């Protein structure tokens, strides 16, 4: 249900705001490389992986792909993962939590918001 709601949120952002988003899927590793999601190309409601969470895998991937550090990154998560990561100087990161659990990452500056149930 949480994965489904998260995908629905991404598709609504793309459609209503007319945004083009690059969306990737991860758990303990990057499961699906980022692909374009837009009004005309919504994200498919599929679940990938499902074993543990490694935020480090996301930041390592961004660094290895030389993703511009000025691009805003949004991570939708339940908050469970490691407490210490190397963010490779990616500072424009927003964490959207899908649960009441606090974000496990404590060693870097973070902007955390909670997805509220309506």
PDB file of N, CA and C in Angstrom:
ATOM      1  N   UNK A   1       0.819  -1.197   0.000  1.00  0.00           N
ATOM      2  CA  UNK A   1       0.000   0.000   0.000  1.00  0.00           C
ATOM      3  C   UNK A   1       0.865   1.265   0.000  1.00  0.00           C
ATOM      4  N   UNK A   2       1.951   1.255   0.784  1.00  0.00           N
ATOM      5  CA  UNK A   2       2.838   2.420   0.860  1.00  0.00           C
ATOM      6  C   UNK A   2       3.512   2.671  -0.478  1.00  0.00           C
ATOM      7  N   UNK A   3       3.986   1.602  -1.111  1.00  0.00           N
ATOM      8  CA  UNK A   3       4.632   1.744  -2.417  1.00  0.00           C
ATOM      9  C   UNK A   3       3.633   2.300  -3.422  1.00  0.00           C
ATOM     10  N   UNK A   4       2.437   1.789  -3.392  1.00  0.00           N
ATOM     11  CA  UNK A   4       1.382   2.229  -4.302  1.00  0.00           C
ATOM     12  C   UNK A   4       1.084   3.722  -4.112  1.00  0.00           C
ATOM     13  N   UNK A   5       0.968   4.154  -2.847  1.00  0.00           N
ATOM     14  CA  UNK A   5       0.698   5.571  -2.566  1.00  0.00           C
ATOM     15  C   UNK A   5       1.853   6.460  -3.017  1.00  0.00           C
ATOM     16  N   UNK A   6       3.079   5.980  -2.855  1.00  0.00           N
ATOM     17  CA  UNK A   6       4.251   6.754  -3.254  1.00  0.00           C
ATOM     18  C   UNK A   6       4.302   6.939  -4.768  1.00  0.00           C
ATOM     19  N   UNK A   7       4.004   5.867  -5.497  1.00  0.00           N
ATOM     20  CA  UNK A   7       3.986   5.944  -6.963  1.00  0.00           C
ATOM     21  C   UNK A   7       2.869   6.870  -7.416  1.00  0.00           C
ATOM     22  N   UNK A   8       1.731   6.792  -6.767  1.00  0.00           N
ATOM     23  CA  UNK A   8       0.612   7.682  -7.092  1.00  0.00           C
ATOM     24  C   UNK A   8       1.007   9.138  -6.870  1.00  0.00           C
ATOM     25  N   UNK A   9       1.727   9.427  -5.789  1.00  0.00           N
ATOM     26  CA  UNK A   9       2.198  10.781  -5.502  1.00  0.00           C
ATOM     27  C   UNK A   9       3.119  11.292  -6.608  1.00  0.00           C
ATOM     28  N   UNK A  10       4.061  10.463  -7.025  1.00  0.00           N
ATOM     29  CA  UNK A  10       4.989  10.847  -8.090  1.00  0.00           C
ATOM     30  C   UNK A  10       4.223  11.144  -9.376  1.00  0.00           C
ATOM     31  N   UNK A  11       3.280  10.294  -9.720  1.00  0.00           N
ATOM     32  CA  UNK A  11       2.497  10.506 -10.944  1.00  0.00           C
ATOM     33  C   UNK A  11       1.641  11.766 -10.854  1.00  0.00           C
ATOM     34  N   UNK A  12       1.068  12.035  -9.676  1.00  0.00           N
ATOM     35  CA  UNK A  12       0.280  13.269  -9.511  1.00  0.00           C
ATOM     36  C   UNK A  12       1.147  14.511  -9.645  1.00  0.00           C
ATOM     37  N   UNK A  13       2.344  14.474  -9.072  1.00  0.00           N
ATOM     38  CA  UNK A  13       3.270  15.611  -9.208  1.00  0.00           C
ATOM     39  C   UNK A  13       3.577  15.874 -10.675  1.00  0.00           C
ATOM     40  N   UNK A  14       3.886  14.817 -11.398  1.00  0.00           N
ATOM     41  CA  UNK A  14       4.211  14.961 -12.810  1.00  0.00           C
ATOM     42  C   UNK A  14       3.029  15.512 -13.595  1.00  0.00           C
ATOM     43  N   UNK A  15       1.836  15.010 -13.306  1.00  0.00           N
ATOM     44  CA  UNK A  15       0.649  15.397 -14.070  1.00  0.00           C
ATOM     45  C   UNK A  15       0.154  16.790 -13.711  1.00  0.00           C
ATOM     46  N   UNK A  16      -0.102  17.015 -12.439  1.00  0.00           N
ATOM     47  CA  UNK A  16      -0.708  18.288 -12.023  1.00  0.00           C
ATOM     48  C   UNK A  16       0.239  19.467 -12.117  1.00  0.00           C
ATOM     49  N   UNK A  17       1.494  19.253 -11.786  1.00  0.00           N
ATOM     50  CA  UNK A  17       2.461  20.347 -11.819  1.00  0.00           C
ATOM     51  C   UNK A  17       3.166  20.437 -13.166  1.00  0.00           C
ATOM     52  N   UNK A  18       2.890  19.487 -14.045  1.00  0.00           N
ATOM     53  CA  UNK A  18       3.540  19.490 -15.353  1.00  0.00           C
ATOM     54  C   UNK A  18       5.040  19.284 -15.259  1.00  0.00           C
ATOM     55  N   UNK A  19       5.481  18.531 -14.245  1.00  0.00           N
ATOM     56  CA  UNK A  19       6.912  18.312 -14.035  1.00  0.00           C
ATOM     57  C   UNK A  19       7.410  17.092 -14.787  1.00  0.00           C
ATOM     58  N   UNK A  20       8.682  17.132 -15.137  1.00  0.00           N
ATOM     59  CA  UNK A  20       9.372  15.951 -15.627  1.00  0.00           C
ATOM     60  C   UNK A  20      10.330  15.544 -14.520  1.00  0.00           C
ATOM     61  N   UNK A  21      10.200  14.322 -14.051  1.00  0.00           N
ATOM     62  CA  UNK A  21      10.999  13.832 -12.939  1.00  0.00           C
ATOM     63  C   UNK A  21      11.804  12.627 -13.383  1.00  0.00           C
ATOM     64  N   UNK A  22      13.002  12.508 -12.873  1.00  0.00           N
ATOM     65  CA  UNK A  22      13.774  11.290 -13.054  1.00  0.00           C
ATOM     66  C   UNK A  22      13.556  10.475 -11.783  1.00  0.00           C
ATOM     67  N   UNK A  23      13.012   9.261 -11.930  1.00  0.00           N
ATOM     68  CA  UNK A  23      12.644   8.457 -10.773  1.00  0.00           C
ATOM     69  C   UNK A  23      13.363   7.116 -10.837  1.00  0.00           C
ATOM     70  N   UNK A  24      14.051   6.791  -9.753  1.00  0.00           N
ATOM     71  CA  UNK A  24      14.713   5.509  -9.620  1.00  0.00           C
ATOM     72  C   UNK A  24      14.108   4.760  -8.445  1.00  0.00           C
ATOM     73  N   UNK A  25      14.386   3.477  -8.369  1.00  0.00           N
ATOM     74  CA  UNK A  25      13.846   2.633  -7.310  1.00  0.00           C
ATOM     75  C   UNK A  25      15.018   1.943  -6.617  1.00  0.00           C
ATOM     76  N   UNK A  26      14.979   1.941  -5.272  1.00  0.00           N
ATOM     77  CA  UNK A  26      16.059   1.301  -4.526  1.00  0.00           C
ATOM     78  C   UNK A  26      15.508   0.626  -3.281  1.00  0.00           C
ATOM     79  N   UNK A  27      16.290  -0.307  -2.774  1.00  0.00           N
ATOM     80  CA  UNK A  27      16.101  -0.872  -1.441  1.00  0.00           C
ATOM     81  C   UNK A  27      17.508  -1.051  -0.887  1.00  0.00           C
ATOM     82  N   UNK A  28      18.037  -2.255  -0.848  1.00  0.00           N
ATOM     83  CA  UNK A  28      19.413  -2.446  -0.414  1.00  0.00           C
ATOM     84  C   UNK A  28      20.402  -2.046  -1.515  1.00  0.00           C
ATOM     85  N   UNK A  29      19.894  -1.882  -2.738  1.00  0.00           N
ATOM     86  CA  UNK A  29      20.696  -1.409  -3.870  1.00  0.00           C
ATOM     87  C   UNK A  29      19.755  -0.676  -4.821  1.00  0.00           C
ATOM     88  N   UNK A  30      20.324  -0.030  -5.823  1.00  0.00           N
ATOM     89  CA  UNK A  30      19.488   0.612  -6.831  1.00  0.00           C
ATOM     90  C   UNK A  30      18.894  -0.500  -7.679  1.00  0.00           C
ATOM     91  N   UNK A  31      17.572  -0.658  -7.598  1.00  0.00           N
ATOM     92  CA  UNK A  31      16.877  -1.741  -8.289  1.00  0.00           C
ATOM     93  C   UNK A  31      16.522  -1.372  -9.724  1.00  0.00           C
ATOM     94  N   UNK A  32      16.229  -0.110  -9.922  1.00  0.00           N
ATOM     95  CA  UNK A  32      15.838   0.355 -11.253  1.00  0.00           C
ATOM     96  C   UNK A  32      16.458   1.726 -11.461  1.00  0.00           C
ATOM     97  N   UNK A  33      17.257   1.849 -12.506  1.00  0.00           N
ATOM     98  CA  UNK A  33      17.896   3.125 -12.787  1.00  0.00           C
ATOM     99  C   UNK A  33      16.835   4.176 -13.070  1.00  0.00           C
ATOM    100  N   UNK A  34      17.166   5.433 -12.758  1.00  0.00           N
ATOM    101  CA  UNK A  34      16.180   6.493 -12.962  1.00  0.00           C
ATOM    102  C   UNK A  34      15.702   6.567 -14.411  1.00  0.00           C
ATOM    103  N   UNK A  35      14.389   6.782 -14.530  1.00  0.00           N
ATOM    104  CA  UNK A  35      13.788   6.981 -15.846  1.00  0.00           C
ATOM    105  C   UNK A  35      12.833   8.160 -15.755  1.00  0.00           C
ATOM    106  N   UNK A  36      12.562   8.743 -16.898  1.00  0.00           N
ATOM    107  CA  UNK A  36      11.712   9.924 -16.961  1.00  0.00           C
ATOM    108  C   UNK A  36      10.264   9.572 -16.649  1.00  0.00           C
ATOM    109  N   UNK A  37       9.681  10.341 -15.737  1.00  0.00           N
ATOM    110  CA  UNK A  37       8.254  10.252 -15.430  1.00  0.00           C
ATOM    111  C   UNK A  37       7.679  11.629 -15.728  1.00  0.00           C
ATOM    112  N   UNK A  38       6.614  11.661 -16.520  1.00  0.00           N
ATOM    113  CA  UNK A  38       6.002  12.930 -16.892  1.00  0.00           C
ATOM    114  C   UNK A  38       4.504  12.729 -17.032  1.00  0.00           C
ATOM    115  N   UNK A  39       3.829  13.805 -17.384  1.00  0.00           N
ATOM    116  CA  UNK A  39       2.377  13.746 -17.593  1.00  0.00           C
ATOM    117  C   UNK A  39       2.021  12.643 -18.588  1.00  0.00           C
ATOM    118  N   UNK A  40       2.792  12.531 -19.655  1.00  0.00           N
ATOM    119  CA  UNK A  40       2.475  11.547 -20.693  1.00  0.00           C
ATOM    120  C   UNK A  40       3.152  10.188 -20.479  1.00  0.00           C
ATOM    121  N   UNK A  41       4.066  10.108 -19.504  1.00  0.00           N
ATOM    122  CA  UNK A  41       4.759   8.846 -19.201  1.00  0.00           C
ATOM    123  C   UNK A  41       4.742   8.594 -17.695  1.00  0.00           C
ATOM    124  N   UNK A  42       3.589   8.161 -17.146  1.00  0.00           N
ATOM    125  CA  UNK A  42       3.523   7.911 -15.698  1.00  0.00           C
ATOM    126  C   UNK A  42       4.354   6.699 -15.292  1.00  0.00           C
ATOM    127  N   UNK A  43       4.678   6.662 -14.017  1.00  0.00           N
ATOM    128  CA  UNK A  43       5.419   5.539 -13.458  1.00  0.00           C
ATOM    129  C   UNK A  43       4.469   4.354 -13.286  1.00  0.00           C
ATOM    130  N   UNK A  44       4.952   3.169 -13.633  1.00  0.00           N
ATOM    131  CA  UNK A  44       4.133   1.967 -13.489  1.00  0.00           C
ATOM    132  C   UNK A  44       4.060   1.555 -12.022  1.00  0.00           C
ATOM    133  N   UNK A  45       2.894   1.117 -11.569  1.00  0.00           N
ATOM    134  CA  UNK A  45       2.733   0.742 -10.157  1.00  0.00           C
ATOM    135  C   UNK A  45       3.275  -0.658  -9.866  1.00  0.00           C
ATOM    136  N   UNK A  46       4.585  -0.817  -9.955  1.00  0.00           N
ATOM    137  CA  UNK A  46       5.228  -2.104  -9.710  1.00  0.00           C
ATOM    138  C   UNK A  46       6.160  -1.993  -8.517  1.00  0.00           C
ATOM    139  N   UNK A  47       6.303  -3.068  -7.786  1.00  0.00           N
ATOM    140  CA  UNK A  47       7.220  -3.100  -6.649  1.00  0.00           C
ATOM    141  C   UNK A  47       8.484  -3.835  -7.084  1.00  0.00           C
ATOM    142  N   UNK A  48       9.624  -3.257  -6.734  1.00  0.00           N
ATOM    143  CA  UNK A  48      10.910  -3.865  -7.057  1.00  0.00           C
ATOM    144  C   UNK A  48      11.640  -4.159  -5.757  1.00  0.00           C
ATOM    145  N   UNK A  49      12.376  -5.243  -5.707  1.00  0.00           N
ATOM    146  CA  UNK A  49      13.178  -5.552  -4.527  1.00  0.00           C
ATOM    147  C   UNK A  49      12.311  -5.830  -3.324  1.00  0.00           C
ATOM    148  N   UNK A  50      12.610  -5.146  -2.234  1.00  0.00           N
ATOM    149  CA  UNK A  50      11.853  -5.326  -1.014  1.00  0.00           C
ATOM    150  C   UNK A  50      12.689  -5.885   0.122  1.00  0.00           C
ATOM    151  N   UNK A  51      14.009  -5.867  -0.035  1.00  0.00           N
ATOM    152  CA  UNK A  51      14.857  -6.409   1.019  1.00  0.00           C
ATOM    153  C   UNK A  51      15.764  -5.361   1.627  1.00  0.00           C
ATOM    154  N   UNK A  52      15.392  -4.845   2.784  1.00  0.00           N
ATOM    155  CA  UNK A  52      16.246  -3.889   3.490  1.00  0.00           C
ATOM    156  C   UNK A  52      16.343  -2.560   2.762  1.00  0.00           C
ATOM    157  N   UNK A  53      17.005  -1.610   3.397  1.00  0.00           N
ATOM    158  CA  UNK A  53      17.177  -0.295   2.799  1.00  0.00           C
ATOM    159  C   UNK A  53      18.612   0.150   2.978  1.00  0.00           C
ATOM    160  N   UNK A  54      19.213   0.632   1.894  1.00  0.00           N
ATOM    161  CA  UNK A  54      20.536   1.243   1.966  1.00  0.00           C
ATOM    162  C   UNK A  54      20.491   2.589   1.268  1.00  0.00           C
ATOM    163  N   UNK A  55      20.475   3.648   2.072  1.00  0.00           N
ATOM    164  CA  UNK A  55      20.526   4.988   1.491  1.00  0.00           C
ATOM    165  C   UNK A  55      21.884   5.231   0.847  1.00  0.00           C
ATOM    166  N   UNK A  56      22.917   4.575   1.381  1.00  0.00           N
ATOM    167  CA  UNK A  56      24.253   4.753   0.816  1.00  0.00           C
ATOM    168  C   UNK A  56      24.271   4.360  -0.649  1.00  0.00           C
ATOM    169  N   UNK A  57      23.514   3.325  -1.016  1.00  0.00           N
ATOM    170  CA  UNK A  57      23.460   2.890  -2.415  1.00  0.00           C
ATOM    171  C   UNK A  57      22.975   4.015  -3.324  1.00  0.00           C
ATOM    172  N   UNK A  58      22.034   4.821  -2.846  1.00  0.00           N
ATOM    173  CA  UNK A  58      21.511   5.936  -3.642  1.00  0.00           C
ATOM    174  C   UNK A  58      22.601   6.982  -3.862  1.00  0.00           C
ATOM    175  N   UNK A  59      23.268   7.378  -2.787  1.00  0.00           N
ATOM    176  CA  UNK A  59      24.285   8.418  -2.913  1.00  0.00           C
ATOM    177  C   UNK A  59      25.510   7.939  -3.685  1.00  0.00           C
ATOM    178  N   UNK A  60      25.876   6.675  -3.529  1.00  0.00           N
ATOM    179  CA  UNK A  60      26.972   6.111  -4.334  1.00  0.00           C
ATOM    180  C   UNK A  60      26.598   6.124  -5.811  1.00  0.00           C
ATOM    181  N   UNK A  61      25.370   5.752  -6.122  1.00  0.00           N
ATOM    182  CA  UNK A  61      24.906   5.755  -7.512  1.00  0.00           C
ATOM    183  C   UNK A  61      24.969   7.176  -8.092  1.00  0.00           C
ATOM    184  N   UNK A  62      24.432   8.149  -7.356  1.00  0.00           N
ATOM    185  CA  UNK A  62      24.457   9.540  -7.831  1.00  0.00           C
ATOM    186  C   UNK A  62      25.879   9.994  -8.102  1.00  0.00           C
ATOM    187  N   UNK A  63      26.788   9.662  -7.192  1.00  0.00           N
ATOM    188  CA  UNK A  63      28.189  10.050  -7.342  1.00  0.00           C
ATOM    189  C   UNK A  63      28.839   9.344  -8.533  1.00  0.00           C
ATOM    190  N   UNK A  64      28.605   8.048  -8.676  1.00  0.00           N
ATOM    191  CA  UNK A  64      29.192   7.280  -9.783  1.00  0.00           C
ATOM    192  C   UNK A  64      28.691   7.770 -11.135  1.00  0.00           C
ATOM    193  N   UNK A  65      27.426   8.195 -11.186  1.00  0.00           N
ATOM    194  CA  UNK A  65      26.845   8.690 -12.441  1.00  0.00           C
ATOM    195  C   UNK A  65      27.143  10.175 -12.663  1.00  0.00           C
ATOM    196  N   UNK A  66      27.834  10.773 -11.736  1.00  0.00           N
ATOM    197  CA  UNK A  66      28.206  12.197 -11.801  1.00  0.00           C
ATOM    198  C   UNK A  66      26.980  13.103 -11.964  1.00  0.00           C
ATOM    199  N   UNK A  67      25.938  12.795 -11.210  1.00  0.00           N
ATOM    200  CA  UNK A  67      24.727  13.607 -11.236  1.00  0.00           C
ATOM    201  C   UNK A  67      25.056  14.964 -10.630  1.00  0.00           C
ATOM    202  N   UNK A  68      24.621  16.020 -11.295  1.00  0.00           N
ATOM    203  CA  UNK A  68      24.865  17.385 -10.842  1.00  0.00           C
ATOM    204  C   UNK A  68      24.398  17.557  -9.399  1.00  0.00           C
ATOM    205  N   UNK A  69      25.266  18.069  -8.551  1.00  0.00           N
ATOM    206  CA  UNK A  69      24.955  18.221  -7.127  1.00  0.00           C
ATOM    207  C   UNK A  69      23.971  19.350  -6.841  1.00  0.00           C
ATOM    208  N   UNK A  70      23.612  20.129  -7.843  1.00  0.00           N
ATOM    209  CA  UNK A  70      22.626  21.199  -7.676  1.00  0.00           C
ATOM    210  C   UNK A  70      21.196  20.724  -7.957  1.00  0.00           C
ATOM    211  N   UNK A  71      21.056  19.523  -8.518  1.00  0.00           N
ATOM    212  CA  UNK A  71      19.729  18.986  -8.814  1.00  0.00           C
ATOM    213  C   UNK A  71      19.085  18.532  -7.503  1.00  0.00           C
ATOM    214  N   UNK A  72      17.850  18.961  -7.243  1.00  0.00           N
ATOM    215  CA  UNK A  72      17.167  18.498  -6.024  1.00  0.00           C
ATOM    216  C   UNK A  72      16.892  16.993  -6.088  1.00  0.00           C
ATOM    217  N   UNK A  73      17.129  16.326  -4.976  1.00  0.00           N
ATOM    218  CA  UNK A  73      16.904  14.895  -4.848  1.00  0.00           C
ATOM    219  C   UNK A  73      15.793  14.702  -3.804  1.00  0.00           C
ATOM    220  N   UNK A  74      14.800  13.887  -4.122  1.00  0.00           N
ATOM    221  CA  UNK A  74      13.745  13.561  -3.166  1.00  0.00           C
ATOM    222  C   UNK A  74      13.777  12.062  -2.943  1.00  0.00           C
ATOM    223  N   UNK A  75      13.873  11.667  -1.683  1.00  0.00           N
ATOM    224  CA  UNK A  75      13.873  10.251  -1.324  1.00  0.00           C
ATOM    225  C   UNK A  75      12.592   9.961  -0.552  1.00  0.00           C
ATOM    226  N   UNK A  76      11.759   9.086  -1.104  1.00  0.00           N
ATOM    227  CA  UNK A  76      10.520   8.676  -0.430  1.00  0.00           C
ATOM    228  C   UNK A  76      10.829   7.361   0.276  1.00  0.00           C
ATOM    229  N   UNK A  77      10.648   7.353   1.593  1.00  0.00           N
ATOM    230  CA  UNK A  77      11.083   6.216   2.395  1.00  0.00           C
ATOM    231  C   UNK A  77      10.267   6.076   3.671  1.00  0.00           C
ATOM    232  N   UNK A  78      10.341   4.889   4.268  1.00  0.00           N
ATOM    233  CA  UNK A  78       9.715   4.694   5.574  1.00  0.00           C
ATOM    234  C   UNK A  78      10.627   5.172   6.701  1.00  0.00           C
ATOM    235  N   UNK A  79      11.855   5.559   6.361  1.00  0.00           N
ATOM    236  CA  UNK A  79      12.780   6.095   7.356  1.00  0.00           C
ATOM    237  C   UNK A  79      13.770   5.100   7.920  1.00  0.00           C
ATOM    238  N   UNK A  80      13.529   3.801   7.687  1.00  0.00           N
ATOM    239  CA  UNK A  80      14.398   2.769   8.219  1.00  0.00           C
ATOM    240  C   UNK A  80      15.593   2.550   7.304  1.00  0.00           C
ATOM    241  N   UNK A  81      16.775   2.640   7.833  1.00  0.00           N
ATOM    242  CA  UNK A  81      18.000   2.425   7.077  1.00  0.00           C
ATOM    243  C   UNK A  81      19.181   2.660   7.991  1.00  0.00           C
ATOM    244  N   UNK A  82      20.335   2.830   7.399  1.00  0.00           N
ATOM    245  CA  UNK A  82      21.518   3.037   8.221  1.00  0.00           C
ATOM    246  C   UNK A  82      21.516   4.434   8.848  1.00  0.00           C
ATOM    247  N   UNK A  83      22.301   4.610   9.899  1.00  0.00           N
ATOM    248  CA  UNK A  83      22.324   5.895  10.604  1.00  0.00           C
ATOM    249  C   UNK A  83      23.422   6.820  10.087  1.00  0.00           C
ATOM    250  N   UNK A  84      24.427   6.258   9.448  1.00  0.00           N
ATOM    251  CA  UNK A  84      25.554   7.045   8.952  1.00  0.00           C
ATOM    252  C   UNK A  84      25.757   6.761   7.474  1.00  0.00           C
ATOM    253  N   UNK A  85      25.821   7.829   6.677  1.00  0.00           N
ATOM    254  CA  UNK A  85      26.084   7.675   5.248  1.00  0.00           C
ATOM    255  C   UNK A  85      27.066   8.741   4.788  1.00  0.00           C
ATOM    256  N   UNK A  86      27.668   8.491   3.647  1.00  0.00           N
ATOM    257  CA  UNK A  86      28.482   9.495   2.953  1.00  0.00           C
ATOM    258  C   UNK A  86      27.593  10.034   1.844  1.00  0.00           C
ATOM    259  N   UNK A  87      27.150  11.282   1.975  1.00  0.00           N
ATOM    260  CA  UNK A  87      26.237  11.852   0.982  1.00  0.00           C
ATOM    261  C   UNK A  87      26.961  12.414  -0.239  1.00  0.00           C
ATOM    262  N   UNK A  88      28.276  12.246  -0.307  1.00  0.00           N
ATOM    263  CA  UNK A  88      29.069  12.702  -1.449  1.00  0.00           C
ATOM    264  C   UNK A  88      28.762  14.164  -1.787  1.00  0.00           C
ATOM    265  N   UNK A  89      28.511  14.947  -0.779  1.00  0.00           N
ATOM    266  CA  UNK A  89      28.260  16.389  -0.871  1.00  0.00           C
ATOM    267  C   UNK A  89      26.966  16.726  -1.629  1.00  0.00           C
ATOM    268  N   UNK A  90      26.044  15.791  -1.698  1.00  0.00           N
ATOM    269  CA  UNK A  90      24.708  16.102  -2.219  1.00  0.00           C
ATOM    270  C   UNK A  90      23.934  16.726  -1.054  1.00  0.00           C
ATOM    271  N   UNK A  91      23.729  18.046  -1.127  1.00  0.00           N
ATOM    272  CA  UNK A  91      23.108  18.788  -0.031  1.00  0.00           C
ATOM    273  C   UNK A  91      21.632  19.091  -0.278  1.00  0.00           C
ATOM    274  N   UNK A  92      21.188  19.034  -1.529  1.00  0.00           N
ATOM    275  CA  UNK A  92      19.799  19.395  -1.864  1.00  0.00           C
ATOM    276  C   UNK A  92      18.928  18.149  -1.856  1.00  0.00           C
ATOM    277  N   UNK A  93      18.794  17.553  -0.681  1.00  0.00           N
ATOM    278  CA  UNK A  93      18.068  16.301  -0.518  1.00  0.00           C
ATOM    279  C   UNK A  93      16.881  16.532   0.410  1.00  0.00           C
ATOM    280  N   UNK A  94      15.718  16.094  -0.040  1.00  0.00           N
ATOM    281  CA  UNK A  94      14.524  16.126   0.800  1.00  0.00           C
ATOM    282  C   UNK A  94      14.092  14.692   1.022  1.00  0.00           C
ATOM    283  N   UNK A  95      13.847  14.348   2.266  1.00  0.00           N
ATOM    284  CA  UNK A  95      13.397  13.013   2.637  1.00  0.00           C
ATOM    285  C   UNK A  95      11.910  13.098   2.921  1.00  0.00           C
ATOM    286  N   UNK A  96      11.100  12.350   2.203  1.00  0.00           N
ATOM    287  CA  UNK A  96       9.661  12.277   2.452  1.00  0.00           C
ATOM    288  C   UNK A  96       9.372  10.951   3.146  1.00  0.00           C
ATOM    289  N   UNK A  97       8.967  11.025   4.401  1.00  0.00           N
ATOM    290  CA  UNK A  97       8.733   9.819   5.181  1.00  0.00           C
ATOM    291  C   UNK A  97       7.292   9.358   5.040  1.00  0.00           C
ATOM    292  N   UNK A  98       7.143   8.067   4.844  1.00  0.00           N
ATOM    293  CA  UNK A  98       5.809   7.469   4.674  1.00  0.00           C
ATOM    294  C   UNK A  98       5.283   6.879   5.970  1.00  0.00           C
ATOM    295  N   UNK A  99       6.034   7.012   7.050  1.00  0.00           N
ATOM    296  CA  UNK A  99       5.621   6.451   8.336  1.00  0.00           C
ATOM    297  C   UNK A  99       5.911   7.464   9.437  1.00  0.00           C
ATOM    298  N   UNK A 100       5.534   7.121  10.650  1.00  0.00           N
ATOM    299  CA  UNK A 100       5.803   8.002  11.788  1.00  0.00           C
ATOM    300  C   UNK A 100       7.194   7.776  12.362  1.00  0.00           C
ATOM    301  N   UNK A 101       7.920   6.820  11.810  1.00  0.00           N
ATOM    302  CA  UNK A 101       9.280   6.530  12.240  1.00  0.00           C
ATOM    303  C   UNK A 101      10.192   7.704  11.894  1.00  0.00           C
ATOM    304  N   UNK A 102      11.090   8.096  12.794  1.00  0.00           N
ATOM    305  CA  UNK A 102      12.045   9.149  12.430  1.00  0.00           C
ATOM    306  C   UNK A 102      13.056   8.623  11.407  1.00  0.00           C
ATOM    307  N   UNK A 103      13.631   9.521  10.637  1.00  0.00           N
ATOM    308  CA  UNK A 103      14.669   9.137   9.673  1.00  0.00           C
ATOM    309  C   UNK A 103      15.870   8.580  10.428  1.00  0.00           C
ATOM    310  N   UNK A 104      16.369   7.444   9.978  1.00  0.00           N
ATOM    311  CA  UNK A 104      17.489   6.791  10.657  1.00  0.00           C
ATOM    312  C   UNK A 104      18.807   7.541  10.455  1.00  0.00           C
ATOM    313  N   UNK A 105      18.965   8.248   9.356  1.00  0.00           N
ATOM    314  CA  UNK A 105      20.215   8.959   9.057  1.00  0.00           C
ATOM    315  C   UNK A 105      20.356  10.143  10.004  1.00  0.00           C
ATOM    316  N   UNK A 106      21.478  10.187  10.712  1.00  0.00           N
ATOM    317  CA  UNK A 106      21.676  11.254  11.693  1.00  0.00           C
ATOM    318  C   UNK A 106      22.959  12.044  11.490  1.00  0.00           C
ATOM    319  N   UNK A 107      23.820  11.642  10.556  1.00  0.00           N
ATOM    320  CA  UNK A 107      25.130  12.285  10.474  1.00  0.00           C
ATOM    321  C   UNK A 107      25.245  13.380   9.413  1.00  0.00           C
ATOM    322  N   UNK A 108      24.166  13.699   8.707  1.00  0.00           N
ATOM    323  CA  UNK A 108      24.226  14.746   7.690  1.00  0.00           C
ATOM    324  C   UNK A 108      23.055  15.704   7.875  1.00  0.00           C
ATOM    325  N   UNK A 109      23.195  16.949   7.392  1.00  0.00           N
ATOM    326  CA  UNK A 109      22.044  17.857   7.451  1.00  0.00           C
ATOM    327  C   UNK A 109      20.919  17.300   6.579  1.00  0.00           C
ATOM    328  N   UNK A 110      19.712  17.333   7.084  1.00  0.00           N
ATOM    329  CA  UNK A 110      18.600  16.765   6.339  1.00  0.00           C
ATOM    330  C   UNK A 110      17.385  17.682   6.386  1.00  0.00           C
ATOM    331  N   UNK A 111      16.600  17.631   5.324  1.00  0.00           N
ATOM    332  CA  UNK A 111      15.291  18.272   5.291  1.00  0.00           C
ATOM    333  C   UNK A 111      14.305  17.121   5.240  1.00  0.00           C
ATOM    334  N   UNK A 112      13.528  16.966   6.303  1.00  0.00           N
ATOM    335  CA  UNK A 112      12.613  15.834   6.417  1.00  0.00           C
ATOM    336  C   UNK A 112      11.192  16.344   6.470  1.00  0.00           C
ATOM    337  N   UNK A 113      10.338  15.715   5.679  1.00  0.00           N
ATOM    338  CA  UNK A 113       8.908  16.018   5.701  1.00  0.00           C
ATOM    339  C   UNK A 113       8.174  14.683   5.788  1.00  0.00           C
ATOM    340  N   UNK A 114       6.971  14.722   6.272  1.00  0.00           N
ATOM    341  CA  UNK A 114       6.203  13.493   6.438  1.00  0.00           C
ATOM    342  C   UNK A 114       5.007  13.530   5.513  1.00  0.00           C
ATOM    343  N   UNK A 115       4.786  12.440   4.784  1.00  0.00           N
ATOM    344  CA  UNK A 115       3.603  12.329   3.952  1.00  0.00           C
ATOM    345  C   UNK A 115       2.431  12.031   4.864  1.00  0.00           C
ATOM    346  N   UNK A 116       1.484  12.910   4.891  1.00  0.00           N
ATOM    347  CA  UNK A 116       0.339  12.769   5.793  1.00  0.00           C
ATOM    348  C   UNK A 116      -0.758  11.955   5.119  1.00  0.00           C
ATOM    349  N   UNK A 117      -1.465  11.182   5.923  1.00  0.00           N
ATOM    350  CA  UNK A 117      -2.657  10.466   5.443  1.00  0.00           C
ATOM    351  C   UNK A 117      -3.808  11.461   5.385  1.00  0.00           C
ATOM    352  N   UNK A 118      -4.579  11.427   4.317  1.00  0.00           N
ATOM    353  CA  UNK A 118      -5.749  12.323   4.213  1.00  0.00           C
ATOM    354  C   UNK A 118      -6.997  11.505   4.084  1.00  0.00           C
TER     355      UNK A 118
END
